[in-house]
Every structure is written in structure tokens, then in C-alpha cells.
C-alpha atoms as a PDB file:
ATOM      1  CA  UNK A   1     -52.854  67.912 -15.371  1.00  0.00           C
ATOM      2  CA  UNK A   2     -55.867  65.650 -15.337  1.00  0.00           C
ATOM      3  CA  UNK A   3     -53.555  62.620 -15.873  1.00  0.00           C
ATOM      4  CA  UNK A   4     -51.305  63.638 -12.983  1.00  0.00           C
ATOM      5  CA  UNK A   5     -54.220  64.194 -10.696  1.00  0.00           C
ATOM      6  CA  UNK A   6     -55.703  60.863 -11.749  1.00  0.00           C
ATOM      7  CA  UNK A   7     -52.402  59.074 -10.906  1.00  0.00           C
ATOM      8  CA  UNK A   8     -52.128  60.799  -7.549  1.00  0.00           C
ATOM      9  CA  UNK A   9     -55.716  59.986  -6.698  1.00  0.00           C
ATOM     10  CA  UNK A  10     -55.428  56.304  -7.901  1.00  0.00           C
ATOM     11  CA  UNK A  11     -54.435  54.834  -4.539  1.00  0.00           C
ATOM     12  CA  UNK A  12     -57.434  56.507  -2.992  1.00  0.00           C
ATOM     13  CA  UNK A  13     -59.733  54.498  -5.290  1.00  0.00           C
ATOM     14  CA  UNK A  14     -58.244  51.047  -4.266  1.00  0.00           C
ATOM     15  CA  UNK A  15     -60.585  49.053  -2.093  1.00  0.00           C
ATOM     16  CA  UNK A  16     -59.328  47.932   1.314  1.00  0.00           C
ATOM     17  CA  UNK A  17     -59.605  44.270   0.241  1.00  0.00           C
ATOM     18  CA  UNK A  18     -57.325  44.685  -2.792  1.00  0.00           C
ATOM     19  CA  UNK A  19     -54.866  46.720  -0.752  1.00  0.00           C
ATOM     20  CA  UNK A  20     -54.675  43.921   1.848  1.00  0.00           C
ATOM     21  CA  UNK A  21     -54.016  41.332  -0.878  1.00  0.00           C
ATOM     22  CA  UNK A  22     -51.200  43.465  -2.320  1.00  0.00           C
ATOM     23  CA  UNK A  23     -49.592  43.912   1.101  1.00  0.00           C
ATOM     24  CA  UNK A  24     -49.548  40.121   1.578  1.00  0.00           C
ATOM     25  CA  UNK A  25     -48.414  39.004  -1.892  1.00  0.00           C
ATOM     26  CA  UNK A  26     -45.702  41.585  -2.735  1.00  0.00           C
ATOM     27  CA  UNK A  27     -43.254  40.414   0.013  1.00  0.00           C
ATOM     28  CA  UNK A  28     -43.738  36.846  -1.191  1.00  0.00           C
ATOM     29  CA  UNK A  29     -42.923  37.793  -4.777  1.00  0.00           C
ATOM     30  CA  UNK A  30     -39.681  39.627  -3.945  1.00  0.00           C
ATOM     31  CA  UNK A  31     -37.442  36.520  -3.462  1.00  0.00           C
ATOM     32  CA  UNK A  32     -39.058  34.783  -6.430  1.00  0.00           C
ATOM     33  CA  UNK A  33     -38.315  37.711  -8.717  1.00  0.00           C
ATOM     34  CA  UNK A  34     -34.736  37.867  -7.434  1.00  0.00           C
ATOM     35  CA  UNK A  35     -35.115  41.223  -5.764  1.00  0.00           C
ATOM     36  CA  UNK A  36     -33.529  42.208  -2.528  1.00  0.00           C
ATOM     37  CA  UNK A  37     -30.191  41.361  -0.935  1.00  0.00           C
ATOM     38  CA  UNK A  38     -28.645  37.986  -1.777  1.00  0.00           C
ATOM     39  CA  UNK A  39     -26.866  35.977   0.902  1.00  0.00           C
ATOM     40  CA  UNK A  40     -23.391  34.735  -0.050  1.00  0.00           C
ATOM     41  CA  UNK A  41     -23.287  31.025  -0.862  1.00  0.00           C
ATOM     42  CA  UNK A  42     -21.715  28.916   1.841  1.00  0.00           C
ATOM     43  CA  UNK A  43     -18.605  26.986   0.865  1.00  0.00           C
ATOM     44  CA  UNK A  44     -19.294  23.507   2.174  1.00  0.00           C
ATOM     45  CA  UNK A  45     -18.021  21.460  -0.752  1.00  0.00           C
ATOM     46  CA  UNK A  46     -15.479  18.698  -0.119  1.00  0.00           C
ATOM     47  CA  UNK A  47     -11.947  19.670  -1.284  1.00  0.00           C
ATOM     48  CA  UNK A  48     -10.918  17.993  -4.502  1.00  0.00           C
ATOM     49  CA  UNK A  49      -7.837  15.783  -4.769  1.00  0.00           C
ATOM     50  CA  UNK A  50      -5.945  18.619  -6.456  1.00  0.00           C
ATOM     51  CA  UNK A  51      -6.938  21.059  -3.682  1.00  0.00           C
ATOM     52  CA  UNK A  52      -5.771  18.634  -0.997  1.00  0.00           C
ATOM     53  CA  UNK A  53      -2.448  18.139  -2.769  1.00  0.00           C
ATOM     54  CA  UNK A  54      -1.929  21.889  -3.089  1.00  0.00           C
ATOM     55  CA  UNK A  55      -2.481  22.393   0.643  1.00  0.00           C
ATOM     56  CA  UNK A  56       0.031  19.724   1.595  1.00  0.00           C
ATOM     57  CA  UNK A  57      -2.358  16.917   2.467  1.00  0.00           C
ATOM     58  CA  UNK A  58      -1.813  14.696  -0.550  1.00  0.00           C
ATOM     59  CA  UNK A  59      -4.551  12.591  -2.110  1.00  0.00           C
ATOM     60  CA  UNK A  60      -4.923  10.337   0.943  1.00  0.00           C
ATOM     61  CA  UNK A  61      -4.348  12.480   4.084  1.00  0.00           C
ATOM     62  CA  UNK A  62      -6.367  10.030   6.169  1.00  0.00           C
ATOM     63  CA  UNK A  63      -3.488   7.521   6.126  1.00  0.00           C
ATOM     64  CA  UNK A  64      -1.640   9.706   8.638  1.00  0.00           C
ATOM     65  CA  UNK A  65      -4.582  10.384  10.937  1.00  0.00           C
ATOM     66  CA  UNK A  66      -6.543   7.123  11.231  1.00  0.00           C
ATOM     67  CA  UNK A  67      -6.186   3.403  10.694  1.00  0.00           C
ATOM     68  CA  UNK A  68      -7.453   2.431   7.277  1.00  0.00           C
ATOM     69  CA  UNK A  69      -9.134  -0.901   6.535  1.00  0.00           C
ATOM     70  CA  UNK A  70      -9.122  -3.428   3.720  1.00  0.00           C
ATOM     71  CA  UNK A  71     -12.505  -2.048   2.681  1.00  0.00           C
ATOM     72  CA  UNK A  72     -10.863   1.354   2.030  1.00  0.00           C
ATOM     73  CA  UNK A  73      -8.428  -0.294  -0.392  1.00  0.00           C
ATOM     74  CA  UNK A  74     -10.774  -2.792  -2.013  1.00  0.00           C
ATOM     75  CA  UNK A  75     -11.005  -1.235  -5.504  1.00  0.00           C
ATOM     76  CA  UNK A  76      -7.515   0.268  -5.739  1.00  0.00           C
ATOM     77  CA  UNK A  77      -4.945  -0.701  -8.373  1.00  0.00           C
ATOM     78  CA  UNK A  78      -1.309  -1.529  -7.495  1.00  0.00           C
ATOM     79  CA  UNK A  79      -0.189   1.940  -8.632  1.00  0.00           C
ATOM     80  CA  UNK A  80      -2.816   3.645  -6.483  1.00  0.00           C
ATOM     81  CA  UNK A  81      -1.728   1.549  -3.501  1.00  0.00           C
ATOM     82  CA  UNK A  82       1.889   2.518  -4.164  1.00  0.00           C
ATOM     83  CA  UNK A  83       1.034   6.221  -4.216  1.00  0.00           C
ATOM     84  CA  UNK A  84      -1.072   5.935  -1.072  1.00  0.00           C
ATOM     85  CA  UNK A  85       1.733   4.185   0.823  1.00  0.00           C
ATOM     86  CA  UNK A  86       4.507   6.473  -0.355  1.00  0.00           C
ATOM     87  CA  UNK A  87       2.526   9.587   0.484  1.00  0.00           C
ATOM     88  CA  UNK A  88       2.962   8.599   4.124  1.00  0.00           C
ATOM     89  CA  UNK A  89       6.760   8.665   3.736  1.00  0.00           C
ATOM     90  CA  UNK A  90       6.670  11.767   1.548  1.00  0.00           C
ATOM     91  CA  UNK A  91       4.946  13.781   4.285  1.00  0.00           C
ATOM     92  CA  UNK A  92       7.999  13.154   6.461  1.00  0.00           C
ATOM     93  CA  UNK A  93      10.476  14.067   3.705  1.00  0.00           C
ATOM     94  CA  UNK A  94      11.572  10.611   2.582  1.00  0.00           C
ATOM     95  CA  UNK A  95      14.070  10.909  -0.308  1.00  0.00           C
ATOM     96  CA  UNK A  96      12.881   8.606  -3.079  1.00  0.00           C
ATOM     97  CA  UNK A  97      15.286   6.703  -5.316  1.00  0.00           C
ATOM     98  CA  UNK A  98      12.806   5.024  -7.628  1.00  0.00           C
ATOM     99  CA  UNK A  99      12.594   7.075 -10.868  1.00  0.00           C
ATOM    100  CA  UNK A 100       8.829   6.561 -10.915  1.00  0.00           C
ATOM    101  CA  UNK A 101       8.340   7.945  -7.408  1.00  0.00           C
ATOM    102  CA  UNK A 102      10.916  10.715  -7.889  1.00  0.00           C
ATOM    103  CA  UNK A 103       9.035  11.921 -10.959  1.00  0.00           C
ATOM    104  CA  UNK A 104       5.641  11.709  -9.269  1.00  0.00           C
ATOM    105  CA  UNK A 105       6.467  13.439  -5.980  1.00  0.00           C
ATOM    106  CA  UNK A 106       8.699  16.093  -7.535  1.00  0.00           C
ATOM    107  CA  UNK A 107       5.503  17.440  -9.101  1.00  0.00           C
ATOM    108  CA  UNK A 108       3.701  17.732  -5.761  1.00  0.00           C
ATOM    109  CA  UNK A 109       4.064  21.285  -4.361  1.00  0.00           C
ATOM    110  CA  UNK A 110       3.797  20.092  -0.767  1.00  0.00           C
ATOM    111  CA  UNK A 111       6.603  17.495  -0.956  1.00  0.00           C
ATOM    112  CA  UNK A 112       9.871  18.606   0.680  1.00  0.00           C
ATOM    113  CA  UNK A 113      12.713  16.029   0.556  1.00  0.00           C
ATOM    114  CA  UNK A 114      14.666  15.819   3.800  1.00  0.00           C
ATOM    115  CA  UNK A 115      18.148  14.289   3.800  1.00  0.00           C
ATOM    116  CA  UNK A 116      17.784  13.746   7.573  1.00  0.00           C
ATOM    117  CA  UNK A 117      14.638  11.650   7.179  1.00  0.00           C
ATOM    118  CA  UNK A 118      14.265   8.828   9.722  1.00  0.00           C
ATOM    119  CA  UNK A 119      11.649   6.088   9.795  1.00  0.00           C
ATOM    120  CA  UNK A 120      11.243   6.809  13.501  1.00  0.00           C
ATOM    121  CA  UNK A 121       9.294   9.927  12.515  1.00  0.00           C
ATOM    122  CA  UNK A 122       6.377   7.745  11.396  1.00  0.00           C
ATOM    123  CA  UNK A 123       3.567   7.373  13.907  1.00  0.00           C
ATOM    124  CA  UNK A 124       2.231   3.979  14.990  1.00  0.00           C
ATOM    125  CA  UNK A 125      -0.883   4.625  12.900  1.00  0.00           C
ATOM    126  CA  UNK A 126       1.228   5.345   9.831  1.00  0.00           C
ATOM    127  CA  UNK A 127       3.331   2.220  10.358  1.00  0.00           C
ATOM    128  CA  UNK A 128       0.254   0.018  10.599  1.00  0.00           C
ATOM    129  CA  UNK A 129      -1.222   1.601   7.476  1.00  0.00           C
ATOM    130  CA  UNK A 130       2.041   0.987   5.606  1.00  0.00           C
ATOM    131  CA  UNK A 131       1.884  -2.656   6.678  1.00  0.00           C
ATOM    132  CA  UNK A 132      -1.695  -3.062   5.466  1.00  0.00           C
ATOM    133  CA  UNK A 133      -1.078  -1.396   2.106  1.00  0.00           C
ATOM    134  CA  UNK A 134       2.105  -3.397   1.588  1.00  0.00           C
ATOM    135  CA  UNK A 135       0.209  -6.619   2.210  1.00  0.00           C
ATOM    136  CA  UNK A 136      -2.216  -5.851  -0.604  1.00  0.00           C
ATOM    137  CA  UNK A 137       0.530  -4.681  -2.943  1.00  0.00           C
ATOM    138  CA  UNK A 138       1.997  -8.153  -2.680  1.00  0.00           C
ATOM    139  CA  UNK A 139      -1.250  -9.940  -3.512  1.00  0.00           C
ATOM    140  CA  UNK A 140      -2.872  -7.697  -6.124  1.00  0.00           C
ATOM    141  CA  UNK A 141      -2.318  -8.045  -9.861  1.00  0.00           C
ATOM    142  CA  UNK A 142      -2.330  -5.091 -12.268  1.00  0.00           C
ATOM    143  CA  UNK A 143      -6.007  -5.683 -13.023  1.00  0.00           C
ATOM    144  CA  UNK A 144      -6.909  -5.616  -9.326  1.00  0.00           C
ATOM    145  CA  UNK A 145      -7.398  -9.382  -8.924  1.00  0.00           C
ATOM    146  CA  UNK A 146      -5.633 -11.406  -6.221  1.00  0.00           C
ATOM    147  CA  UNK A 147      -2.812 -13.886  -6.539  1.00  0.00           C
ATOM    148  CA  UNK A 148      -3.721 -17.420  -5.523  1.00  0.00           C
ATOM    149  CA  UNK A 149      -1.852 -18.627  -2.460  1.00  0.00           C
ATOM    150  CA  UNK A 150      -3.167 -22.165  -2.310  1.00  0.00           C
ATOM    151  CA  UNK A 151       0.139 -24.010  -2.762  1.00  0.00           C
ATOM    152  CA  UNK A 152       3.099 -24.000  -0.424  1.00  0.00           C
ATOM    153  CA  UNK A 153       5.283 -22.129  -2.911  1.00  0.00           C
ATOM    154  CA  UNK A 154       2.563 -19.534  -3.529  1.00  0.00           C
ATOM    155  CA  UNK A 155       2.202 -18.959   0.199  1.00  0.00           C
ATOM    156  CA  UNK A 156       5.929 -18.496   0.637  1.00  0.00           C
ATOM    157  CA  UNK A 157       6.028 -16.054  -2.273  1.00  0.00           C
ATOM    158  CA  UNK A 158       3.176 -13.933  -0.894  1.00  0.00           C
ATOM    159  CA  UNK A 159       4.559 -13.868   2.649  1.00  0.00           C
ATOM    160  CA  UNK A 160       8.117 -13.156   1.571  1.00  0.00           C
ATOM    161  CA  UNK A 161       7.018 -10.398  -0.811  1.00  0.00           C
ATOM    162  CA  UNK A 162       4.886  -8.776   1.860  1.00  0.00           C
ATOM    163  CA  UNK A 163       7.681  -8.829   4.444  1.00  0.00           C
ATOM    164  CA  UNK A 164      10.264  -7.549   1.987  1.00  0.00           C
ATOM    165  CA  UNK A 165       8.114  -4.609   0.966  1.00  0.00           C
ATOM    166  CA  UNK A 166       7.242  -3.734   4.540  1.00  0.00           C
ATOM    167  CA  UNK A 167      10.916  -3.796   5.584  1.00  0.00           C
ATOM    168  CA  UNK A 168      11.947  -1.746   2.540  1.00  0.00           C
ATOM    169  CA  UNK A 169       9.333   0.853   3.385  1.00  0.00           C
ATOM    170  CA  UNK A 170      11.244   1.386   6.641  1.00  0.00           C
ATOM    171  CA  UNK A 171      14.620   1.488   4.889  1.00  0.00           C
ATOM    172  CA  UNK A 172      15.427  -1.978   6.254  1.00  0.00           C
ATOM    173  CA  UNK A 173      15.475  -5.582   5.043  1.00  0.00           C
ATOM    174  CA  UNK A 174      14.125  -8.965   6.107  1.00  0.00           C
ATOM    175  CA  UNK A 175      16.900 -11.024   7.694  1.00  0.00           C
ATOM    176  CA  UNK A 176      14.642 -14.085   7.893  1.00  0.00           C
ATOM    177  CA  UNK A 177      11.005 -15.085   8.168  1.00  0.00           C
ATOM    178  CA  UNK A 178       9.165 -18.106   9.497  1.00  0.00           C
ATOM    179  CA  UNK A 179       5.503 -18.924   9.059  1.00  0.00           C
ATOM    180  CA  UNK A 180       3.072 -21.457  10.441  1.00  0.00           C
ATOM    181  CA  UNK A 181      -0.358 -22.480   9.228  1.00  0.00           C
ATOM    182  CA  UNK A 182      -3.238 -22.519  11.690  1.00  0.00           C
ATOM    183  CA  UNK A 183      -6.981 -22.006  11.578  1.00  0.00           C
ATOM    184  CA  UNK A 184      -7.119 -19.071  13.989  1.00  0.00           C
ATOM    185  CA  UNK A 185     -10.643 -18.022  12.924  1.00  0.00           C
ATOM    186  CA  UNK A 186     -12.119 -21.579  13.067  1.00  0.00           C
ATOM    187  CA  UNK A 187     -13.589 -21.439   9.557  1.00  0.00           C
ATOM    188  CA  UNK A 188     -11.970 -24.677   8.400  1.00  0.00           C
ATOM    189  CA  UNK A 189      -9.275 -23.015   6.252  1.00  0.00           C
ATOM    190  CA  UNK A 190      -5.596 -22.710   7.069  1.00  0.00           C
ATOM    191  CA  UNK A 191      -4.564 -19.134   7.810  1.00  0.00           C
ATOM    192  CA  UNK A 192      -0.929 -18.024   8.219  1.00  0.00           C
ATOM    193  CA  UNK A 193       1.066 -16.547  11.086  1.00  0.00           C
ATOM    194  CA  UNK A 194       4.400 -15.094  10.011  1.00  0.00           C
ATOM    195  CA  UNK A 195       7.245 -13.845  12.185  1.00  0.00           C
ATOM    196  CA  UNK A 196       9.676 -11.509  10.409  1.00  0.00           C
ATOM    197  CA  UNK A 197      13.130 -10.620  11.680  1.00  0.00           C
ATOM    198  CA  UNK A 198      13.977  -7.198  10.286  1.00  0.00           C
ATOM    199  CA  UNK A 199      17.483  -5.767  10.133  1.00  0.00           C
ATOM    200  CA  UNK A 200      18.631  -2.205   9.654  1.00  0.00           C
ATOM    201  CA  UNK A 201      22.146  -3.191   8.653  1.00  0.00           C
ATOM    202  CA  UNK A 202      23.708  -3.138  12.128  1.00  0.00           C
ATOM    203  CA  UNK A 203      23.991  -5.836  14.769  1.00  0.00           C
ATOM    204  CA  UNK A 204      20.492  -5.310  16.140  1.00  0.00           C
ATOM    205  CA  UNK A 205      17.271  -6.684  14.687  1.00  0.00           C
ATOM    206  CA  UNK A 206      13.594  -6.249  15.482  1.00  0.00           C
ATOM    207  CA  UNK A 207      10.646  -8.562  15.147  1.00  0.00           C
ATOM    208  CA  UNK A 208       7.380  -8.000  13.303  1.00  0.00           C
ATOM    209  CA  UNK A 209       4.471 -10.396  13.661  1.00  0.00           C
ATOM    210  CA  UNK A 210       1.797 -10.528  10.955  1.00  0.00           C
ATOM    211  CA  UNK A 211      -1.288 -12.688  10.474  1.00  0.00           C
ATOM    212  CA  UNK A 212      -2.835 -13.503   7.103  1.00  0.00           C
ATOM    213  CA  UNK A 213      -6.379 -14.704   6.658  1.00  0.00           C
ATOM    214  CA  UNK A 214      -7.222 -17.383   4.098  1.00  0.00           C
ATOM    215  CA  UNK A 215      -9.997 -16.037   1.889  1.00  0.00           C
ATOM    216  CA  UNK A 216     -10.808 -18.600  -0.786  1.00  0.00           C
ATOM    217  CA  UNK A 217      -7.214 -19.887  -0.940  1.00  0.00           C
ATOM    218  CA  UNK A 218      -5.940 -16.310  -1.051  1.00  0.00           C
ATOM    219  CA  UNK A 219      -3.786 -15.122   1.849  1.00  0.00           C
ATOM    220  CA  UNK A 220      -4.777 -11.587   2.795  1.00  0.00           C
ATOM    221  CA  UNK A 221      -3.023  -9.490   5.440  1.00  0.00           C
ATOM    222  CA  UNK A 222      -5.273  -9.061   8.466  1.00  0.00           C
ATOM    223  CA  UNK A 223      -3.179  -7.494  11.216  1.00  0.00           C
ATOM    224  CA  UNK A 224       0.383  -6.993  12.420  1.00  0.00           C
ATOM    225  CA  UNK A 225       2.481  -5.501  15.179  1.00  0.00           C
ATOM    226  CA  UNK A 226       6.091  -4.963  16.229  1.00  0.00           C
ATOM    227  CA  UNK A 227       7.230  -7.929  18.306  1.00  0.00           C
ATOM    228  CA  UNK A 228      10.415  -7.510  20.326  1.00  0.00           C
ATOM    229  CA  UNK A 229      14.023  -6.658  19.465  1.00  0.00           C
ATOM    230  CA  UNK A 230      17.548  -7.776  20.246  1.00  0.00           C
ATOM    231  CA  UNK A 231      18.637  -7.006  23.788  1.00  0.00           C
ATOM    232  CA  UNK A 232      15.093  -7.567  25.057  1.00  0.00           C
ATOM    233  CA  UNK A 233      13.218 -10.514  23.523  1.00  0.00           C
ATOM    234  CA  UNK A 234      12.276 -12.050  20.180  1.00  0.00           C
ATOM    235  CA  UNK A 235       9.744 -14.675  19.132  1.00  0.00           C
ATOM    236  CA  UNK A 236      11.441 -18.012  18.595  1.00  0.00           C
ATOM    237  CA  UNK A 237       8.595 -20.457  17.910  1.00  0.00           C
ATOM    238  CA  UNK A 238       4.859 -20.575  17.295  1.00  0.00           C
ATOM    239  CA  UNK A 239       3.035 -22.745  19.858  1.00  0.00           C
ATOM    240  CA  UNK A 240      -0.688 -22.770  19.103  1.00  0.00           C
ATOM    241  CA  UNK A 241      -3.802 -20.816  18.158  1.00  0.00           C
ATOM    242  CA  UNK A 242      -6.915 -20.855  20.301  1.00  0.00           C
ATOM    243  CA  UNK A 243     -10.047 -18.726  19.860  1.00  0.00           C
ATOM    244  CA  UNK A 244      -8.242 -15.995  17.856  1.00  0.00           C
ATOM    245  CA  UNK A 245      -5.363 -15.978  20.329  1.00  0.00           C
ATOM    246  CA  UNK A 246      -1.834 -16.839  19.252  1.00  0.00           C
ATOM    247  CA  UNK A 247       0.796 -18.254  21.612  1.00  0.00           C
ATOM    248  CA  UNK A 248       4.576 -18.164  21.072  1.00  0.00           C
ATOM    249  CA  UNK A 249       7.796 -19.161  22.765  1.00  0.00           C
ATOM    250  CA  UNK A 250      10.390 -16.411  23.065  1.00  0.00           C
ATOM    251  CA  UNK A 251      14.119 -15.975  23.461  1.00  0.00           C
ATOM    252  CA  UNK A 252      14.993 -13.500  26.207  1.00  0.00           C
ATOM    253  CA  UNK A 253      18.153 -11.528  26.988  1.00  0.00           C
ATOM    254  CA  UNK A 254      18.903 -11.671  30.697  1.00  0.00           C
ATOM    255  CA  UNK A 255      21.604 -10.228  32.930  1.00  0.00           C
ATOM    256  CA  UNK A 256      24.766  -9.621  30.882  1.00  0.00           C
ATOM    257  CA  UNK A 257      23.896 -11.712  27.829  1.00  0.00           C
ATOM    258  CA  UNK A 258      25.808 -10.722  24.716  1.00  0.00           C
ATOM    259  CA  UNK A 259      23.707  -9.547  21.775  1.00  0.00           C
ATOM    260  CA  UNK A 260      24.503 -12.780  19.955  1.00  0.00           C
ATOM    261  CA  UNK A 261      23.720 -15.160  22.761  1.00  0.00           C
ATOM    262  CA  UNK A 262      20.459 -14.746  24.720  1.00  0.00           C
ATOM    263  CA  UNK A 263      20.104 -17.340  27.459  1.00  0.00           C
ATOM    264  CA  UNK A 264      16.565 -16.839  28.729  1.00  0.00           C
ATOM    265  CA  UNK A 265      13.298 -18.415  27.630  1.00  0.00           C
ATOM    266  CA  UNK A 266       9.820 -16.980  27.844  1.00  0.00           C
ATOM    267  CA  UNK A 267       6.390 -16.835  26.266  1.00  0.00           C
ATOM    268  CA  UNK A 268       4.115 -14.243  24.735  1.00  0.00           C
ATOM    269  CA  UNK A 269       0.522 -14.229  23.475  1.00  0.00           C
ATOM    270  CA  UNK A 270      -1.417 -12.021  21.079  1.00  0.00           C
ATOM    271  CA  UNK A 271      -5.133 -11.598  20.453  1.00  0.00           C
ATOM    272  CA  UNK A 272      -6.601 -10.889  17.017  1.00  0.00           C
ATOM    273  CA  UNK A 273      -9.215  -8.204  17.563  1.00  0.00           C
ATOM    274  CA  UNK A 274     -10.720  -7.068  14.304  1.00  0.00           C
ATOM    275  CA  UNK A 275      -7.886  -5.664  12.248  1.00  0.00           C
ATOM    276  CA  UNK A 276      -5.567  -5.308  15.254  1.00  0.00           C
ATOM    277  CA  UNK A 277      -3.056  -7.675  16.840  1.00  0.00           C
ATOM    278  CA  UNK A 278      -2.659  -6.905  20.536  1.00  0.00           C
ATOM    279  CA  UNK A 279      -0.347  -8.436  23.116  1.00  0.00           C
ATOM    280  CA  UNK A 280      -2.198 -10.048  26.016  1.00  0.00           C
ATOM    281  CA  UNK A 281      -1.184 -11.639  29.299  1.00  0.00           C
END
């Protein structure tokens, strides 16, 4: 009984100073000792590549939402570039024929092949990203280094390869291509301006204009844009470059011109603005 009474009376023997110290320090010790209610951890981590693929985004979802740059692709291997480009088509249900791509995308839970796929389903952003990736595919070796494009034959090979791959990515082919050398960035090196005529197998063709910057004797895709089509107008000849502006002569369909025989003449100009090629007046 004495022990019980002593325990009950113990608080009465604590001095006011000690009691004040206890009242201040005990609340501070509770979180340190792990006592009390724990708040759930917030989930702010960036989704992994596997998580993005499982939710239908693929490894590179940004290629369908924003324009990518050469800096984004700087350290990528040819196979990584191929996957990045083909993910764009896969999101729209493109039916692959290449055994390599068939095997790869058949393992992606989000990929749904669509026999009614049409390249028209690609947005302008996606088309421009395909063009940029294709340009690097044509100039990157397996070890990530660039092919030299210093000689005339090397330049033709790079430009033809780039155009062929771009056209194939749209399910089309290059009917012809013409390029001219000009120093459009005034750095003393010859850059390249290439006009591609792309055919889908019918009577009509469309134009695609691309510019390639000379970086240490290596032609690197800088910018590109769709440039006319049969029944409207097509670029016929490069005229000059002046202060990052490119000037061309055009063939124009007027009145009742047959598809084979346009009779009009015109002109068109484009400005190189960063990584974009924009038509100007």
C-alpha cells in the first residue's frame, strides 16, 4: 500500500520547473520516436519506362505531344531511334511487316494493329518528329557516330537514304529528289537543300522540302516541311539563299490544266527559324 500511495503521490512532488520542461520536450520526442499517426507517402515519382508502356504511352510518349530536337536524340543508337519513330505509327495502329518490329510491338500490351490505318491520322507534330528521327537514322552508325558526307557521292547517299526512309514511314516512296548546296547559315560551309517528290502509288505526288546543315562535313537534318502537291503547285527549282531564307521557282496548275501538264509559273520562299522551316511571303 505504501508503494501505491508513493506512486500516486509522485506527481505531487515534481517541481513546477521540471513539469514545464516535460510538457515542452515530450511533444518534440513523439515524431522522433515514431509515435503518433503517420501520413501516407505521396506518390510523386516519375513513371518508369515499363509503367508508361503498360498504360499505353510507350517509352517515348513525348513524340506525339511536342516537337523533339536533335539534342533529345543525341546519345541514341540506331535501334533506339527506330523504336522511337515506330512508336509514333504504332499508337495509330500501323501494321508492321518487318519481323523485328512485329516481334517488338507484339509484346507491347498497348499496341493494337489496325488494318484501316492511314498515315493521315498522324498529326503535324508527329510527322515532323518522324522526319527528324529519320534524318538521324540515315546518318548514324551502329556505334552512334556519324557518317561523313564530305564527298558528292556521300551527300547523295545521305540525302537519298533520308528521303527514302521518310517516305517509307508514310507508306509511300520517293519518286525523285533534287538537292542544291548553299551556305544558308553563313558559316562558310556548304549546307544542303533537298526537294523530294513523294508518290503514294497513284497519279498524284506531293512535295517535301528538307534542309541539312553541314556540321564538320557531316550533313545533319535541320528542318523540313510539306511543300505543295499535284493539282496545286510543286517546287521546280532552287533560286537562292539569303539570310536563312530560301527562294524557289514553282510549277503551278491553273484553270483546267491536266495533272500531267501544269502551265503556270510561280515562286515560293521559306525561312529557317530554329528547327522549323516556315513559308513566308
